[in-house]
Structure formats: structure tokens, C-alpha cells
Protein backbone atom coordinates (compact mmCIF):
# COMPACT_ATOMS: atom_id res chain seq x y z
CA MET A 1 -30.80 -5.92 28.05
CA LYS A 2 -28.12 -7.81 26.51
CA GLU A 3 -30.21 -10.82 25.54
CA PHE A 4 -33.87 -8.48 25.02
CA ASN A 5 -32.10 -7.07 22.58
CA LYS A 6 -31.76 -9.37 19.94
CA HIS A 7 -35.03 -10.55 20.96
CA ASN A 8 -37.00 -8.22 19.94
CA LYS A 9 -35.35 -8.40 16.73
CA LYS A 10 -36.13 -12.03 15.61
CA GLU A 11 -39.40 -10.88 16.86
CA LEU A 12 -39.83 -7.89 14.93
CA SER A 13 -37.96 -10.24 11.35
CA LEU A 14 -40.03 -13.29 11.82
CA ASN A 15 -43.52 -11.00 11.11
CA GLU A 16 -41.46 -9.20 8.58
CA ILE A 17 -40.70 -12.85 7.42
CA LYS A 18 -44.51 -14.77 8.02
CA SER A 19 -47.17 -14.00 5.30
CA THR A 20 -49.65 -16.61 5.54
CA GLY A 21 -51.36 -16.51 2.30
CA PHE A 22 -54.74 -14.94 2.51
CA LYS A 23 -55.61 -11.08 0.93
CA THR A 24 -58.32 -8.42 2.09
CA PRO A 25 -58.86 -5.98 -0.93
CA THR A 26 -58.27 -1.92 0.70
CA ASN A 27 -60.79 -0.29 2.04
CA PHE A 28 -62.64 -3.76 2.37
CA LEU A 29 -63.82 -3.58 6.30
CA ASP A 30 -65.29 -0.71 5.86
CA SER A 31 -67.17 -0.92 2.83
CA VAL A 32 -68.42 -4.22 4.77
CA GLU A 33 -70.85 -2.64 7.50
CA ASP A 34 -72.70 -0.20 4.31
CA ASP A 35 -73.00 -4.01 2.19
CA PHE A 36 -74.92 -4.93 5.15
CA PHE A 37 -77.37 -2.04 5.15
CA THR A 38 -77.82 -1.97 1.81
CA LYS A 39 -78.37 -6.09 1.61
CA ILE A 40 -81.99 -5.17 4.79
CA ALA A 41 -83.10 -2.66 3.13
CA GLU A 42 -83.06 -4.59 -0.07
CA GLU A 43 -84.94 -7.39 1.65
CA LYS A 44 -87.86 -5.24 3.21
CA LEU A 45 -88.48 -3.65 -0.14
CA PRO A 46 -91.69 -5.23 -2.44
CA LYS A 47 -91.33 -8.22 -4.48
CA THR A 48 -93.96 -6.58 -6.95
CA ASN A 49 -95.00 -3.45 -8.48
CA GLY A 50 -97.05 -0.59 -6.60
CA PHE A 51 -98.84 0.54 -9.97
CA GLU A 52 -100.49 -0.06 -13.25
CA VAL A 53 -101.46 1.44 -15.63
CA PRO A 54 -104.21 1.27 -17.89
CA LYS A 55 -103.93 0.15 -20.79
CA ASP A 56 -103.95 3.01 -23.84
CA TYR A 57 -103.08 5.58 -21.29
CA PHE A 58 -100.19 6.72 -22.79
CA ASN A 59 -102.03 6.61 -26.69
CA SER A 60 -104.79 8.44 -24.98
CA LEU A 61 -103.63 10.73 -22.93
CA GLU A 62 -102.74 13.81 -26.22
CA ASP A 63 -106.37 13.62 -26.31
CA GLU A 64 -107.08 13.70 -22.96
CA ILE A 65 -105.13 16.78 -22.32
CA LEU A 66 -106.30 18.33 -25.71
CA LYS A 67 -109.26 18.66 -24.23
CA LYS A 68 -108.99 20.40 -21.49
CA VAL A 69 -106.94 23.00 -22.87
CA PRO A 70 -109.59 25.72 -25.52
CA SER A 71 -108.83 25.51 -28.17
CA GLN A 72 -108.19 29.97 -28.90
CA THR A 73 -105.93 30.97 -26.75
CA LYS A 74 -105.50 34.33 -26.07
CA VAL A 75 -101.96 35.95 -27.84
CA ILE A 76 -101.27 38.73 -24.95
CA ASN A 77 -99.01 41.15 -28.00
CA LEU A 78 -95.52 42.77 -26.31
CA ARG A 79 -95.59 45.46 -28.77
CA SER A 80 -99.60 47.20 -28.11
CA ARG A 81 -98.37 47.10 -24.30
CA LEU A 82 -95.55 48.77 -25.99
CA LYS A 83 -96.86 51.11 -27.61
CA LYS A 84 -99.41 52.15 -24.73
CA ALA A 85 -96.95 52.70 -22.10
CA ILE A 86 -94.40 54.59 -25.12
CA PRO A 87 -96.30 58.43 -24.13
CA LEU A 88 -97.15 57.61 -20.13
CA ALA A 89 -93.65 57.55 -20.30
CA ALA A 90 -92.80 60.39 -22.33
CA ALA A 91 -95.47 62.36 -20.34
CA ALA A 92 -94.05 61.19 -17.05
CA SER A 93 -90.20 61.53 -18.11
CA VAL A 94 -91.90 65.86 -19.44
CA LEU A 95 -93.44 65.43 -15.82
CA LEU A 96 -90.91 64.98 -13.72
CA PHE A 97 -87.36 67.59 -16.03
CA ILE A 98 -90.72 70.55 -14.77
CA GLY A 99 -90.65 69.76 -11.93
CA ILE A 100 -87.18 69.22 -11.15
CA ASN A 101 -86.51 72.71 -12.56
CA TYR A 102 -89.47 74.39 -11.24
CA PHE A 103 -88.76 73.69 -7.44
CA SER A 104 -84.88 74.13 -7.86
CA VAL A 105 -85.51 77.55 -9.49
CA GLN A 106 -83.87 80.19 -6.48
CA SER A 107 -86.43 82.56 -5.30
CA GLU A 108 -84.49 85.36 -6.38
CA THR A 109 -82.51 85.74 -9.31
CA ILE A 110 -78.86 86.65 -9.44
CA THR A 111 -79.70 90.34 -12.27
CA PHE A 112 -75.72 92.24 -14.09
CA ASP A 113 -76.50 95.03 -10.98
CA ASP A 114 -76.27 93.20 -8.37
CA ILE A 115 -72.71 91.89 -8.85
CA SER A 116 -69.97 94.32 -8.28
CA SER A 117 -66.72 95.55 -10.89
CA THR A 118 -64.24 94.38 -8.28
CA GLU A 119 -66.44 90.01 -8.55
CA ILE A 120 -66.28 90.56 -12.43
CA GLU A 121 -62.22 91.95 -12.24
CA ASN A 122 -61.90 88.70 -9.74
CA TRP A 123 -63.56 86.32 -12.01
CA LEU A 124 -61.43 87.74 -15.06
CA GLU A 125 -58.58 87.45 -13.29
CA ASN A 126 -58.85 84.42 -11.52
CA GLY A 127 -58.97 83.38 -15.08
CA TYR A 128 -62.76 81.73 -14.79
CA THR A 129 -63.24 82.68 -18.00
CA SER A 130 -61.68 81.92 -21.22
CA ILE A 131 -61.85 85.48 -22.60
CA ASN A 132 -58.52 87.21 -22.80
CA THR A 133 -58.12 91.05 -23.04
CA THR A 134 -58.22 90.95 -27.34
CA ASP A 135 -62.13 89.37 -27.14
CA LEU A 136 -62.57 92.39 -24.52
CA ALA A 137 -61.00 95.30 -26.52
CA SER A 138 -63.12 93.72 -29.53
CA VAL A 139 -66.06 94.10 -27.94
CA LEU A 140 -65.46 98.02 -26.19
CA ASP A 141 -64.53 98.81 -29.55
CA GLU A 142 -67.97 98.00 -31.02
CA THR A 143 -69.93 99.37 -27.77
CA ASP A 144 -71.72 102.99 -28.56
CA PHE A 145 -72.23 104.33 -24.97
CA ASN A 146 -74.24 107.95 -25.28
CA ASP A 147 -72.00 110.21 -23.54
CA ASN A 148 -75.77 110.88 -21.55
CA GLU A 149 -75.32 107.73 -19.21
CA LEU A 150 -72.26 108.46 -19.12
CA ILE A 151 -73.10 112.65 -17.62
CA ASP A 152 -75.51 111.19 -15.22
CA ASN A 153 -73.82 109.07 -14.04
CA THR A 154 -71.85 111.73 -12.36
CA THR A 155 -72.45 115.35 -10.97
CA ILE A 156 -70.74 117.91 -12.29
CA GLU A 157 -70.26 121.30 -11.26
CA ASP A 158 -70.28 125.09 -12.96
CA ILE A 159 -67.29 125.38 -11.54
CA GLU A 160 -65.41 122.07 -12.11
CA ILE A 161 -66.67 122.34 -15.99
CA GLU A 162 -64.88 126.39 -15.65
CA ASP A 163 -61.84 125.39 -14.70
CA TYR A 164 -61.31 122.56 -16.69
CA LEU A 165 -61.79 125.17 -19.73
CA ASN A 166 -59.62 128.05 -18.08
CA SER A 167 -56.79 125.54 -17.51
CA ILE A 168 -56.79 123.96 -21.30
CA ASP A 169 -55.20 125.99 -24.01
CA ALA A 170 -57.91 126.98 -26.93
CA SER A 171 -56.13 126.27 -29.43
CA SER A 172 -56.12 122.13 -28.30
CA LEU A 173 -60.18 122.20 -27.65
CA ILE A 174 -60.30 123.86 -31.45
CA ASN A 175 -58.26 120.13 -32.66
CA GLU A 176 -60.60 118.49 -30.70
CA ILE A 177 -64.17 119.75 -31.92
CA ASN A 178 -63.27 119.33 -35.13
């Protein structure tokens, strides 16, 4: 076994040392096949030119094209088209605005009488408005209440009025009138 290992070592060292003197370029064998088929394809190509241009063709080409194009081309002005489209767009937007507002309005309108006083109090207490008590006091001071409006809403009987007049002092009543 030792002899076999010695022999293998000698062969490996000889293979490393041996040089044939020939060198091939890198990727030579990969490109040989492509070069071969390219050479075959070139040989099949015709040796003569397949197309011929008439004499003075390029000198007269421009004149021939200009003969086929009409001399007066119709120019469409973009400004005139926009002037026609702007009123149509404005009318369409107005109609759209009216249509949206007309069809989205509720059939039943809510009035101030429909809202109860407790709803208004809750609305003010929960801070759904920026009105403070000072603003409310100034509005109520400017408001002139009509006594008839207060009386119409309440019914006072004669007995209640007599009891009220009997319960208060006459001098304080005279002071209130003055």
C-alpha cells in the first residue's frame, strides 16, 4: 500500500511539472461552435446587392412628397375649442350642483318647534357649540318678552290670582308697580 501511495505521488508531481508548450485562449472551445455556424451562414448570403435606387431618387424625393401633400392645411385652433367647451362645462357643473342639492334634501324639514328644550340643554351642556353663558345672557337681555305670550301659554284661574294677592303685602305690591 505504501508503494501505491508513492507511485501516485510521483504521477501527480509529474503532471504538474509537464508542460506541452501549447496554450489555448480562454473560452476558445465555447466560441468555436458559434464561429463555425456564423461562417456557414455568411457563405449562404448573396454576393450581389438586392436593391437598386433609381438615379436622382433622393434629389427628387422631397418634391414628390410635397406634391402629394395639400398646400393649404387646415389648422384647428385649440383656443376656439376651449372657448366652446368652457360654457358647456360651467352649465354642466351648475346642473350637477342643483341636482345634487335637490335630490339630497330631506322631505321633512325640522323646525325649531320640533326640538325640545331638553335636547337644547343637552346640546349646550355637552359642548356641541361654542356659545358660553355670557353670550346667552347678552342675547336674553336684548330680547323683549311680551307678557301676552307668557300668559297665553299658561292658564291662571281667578282663585290663584286672589290667593296671590292675599298672600303679598300691599306695600310691597305698590313698590313693585312704581
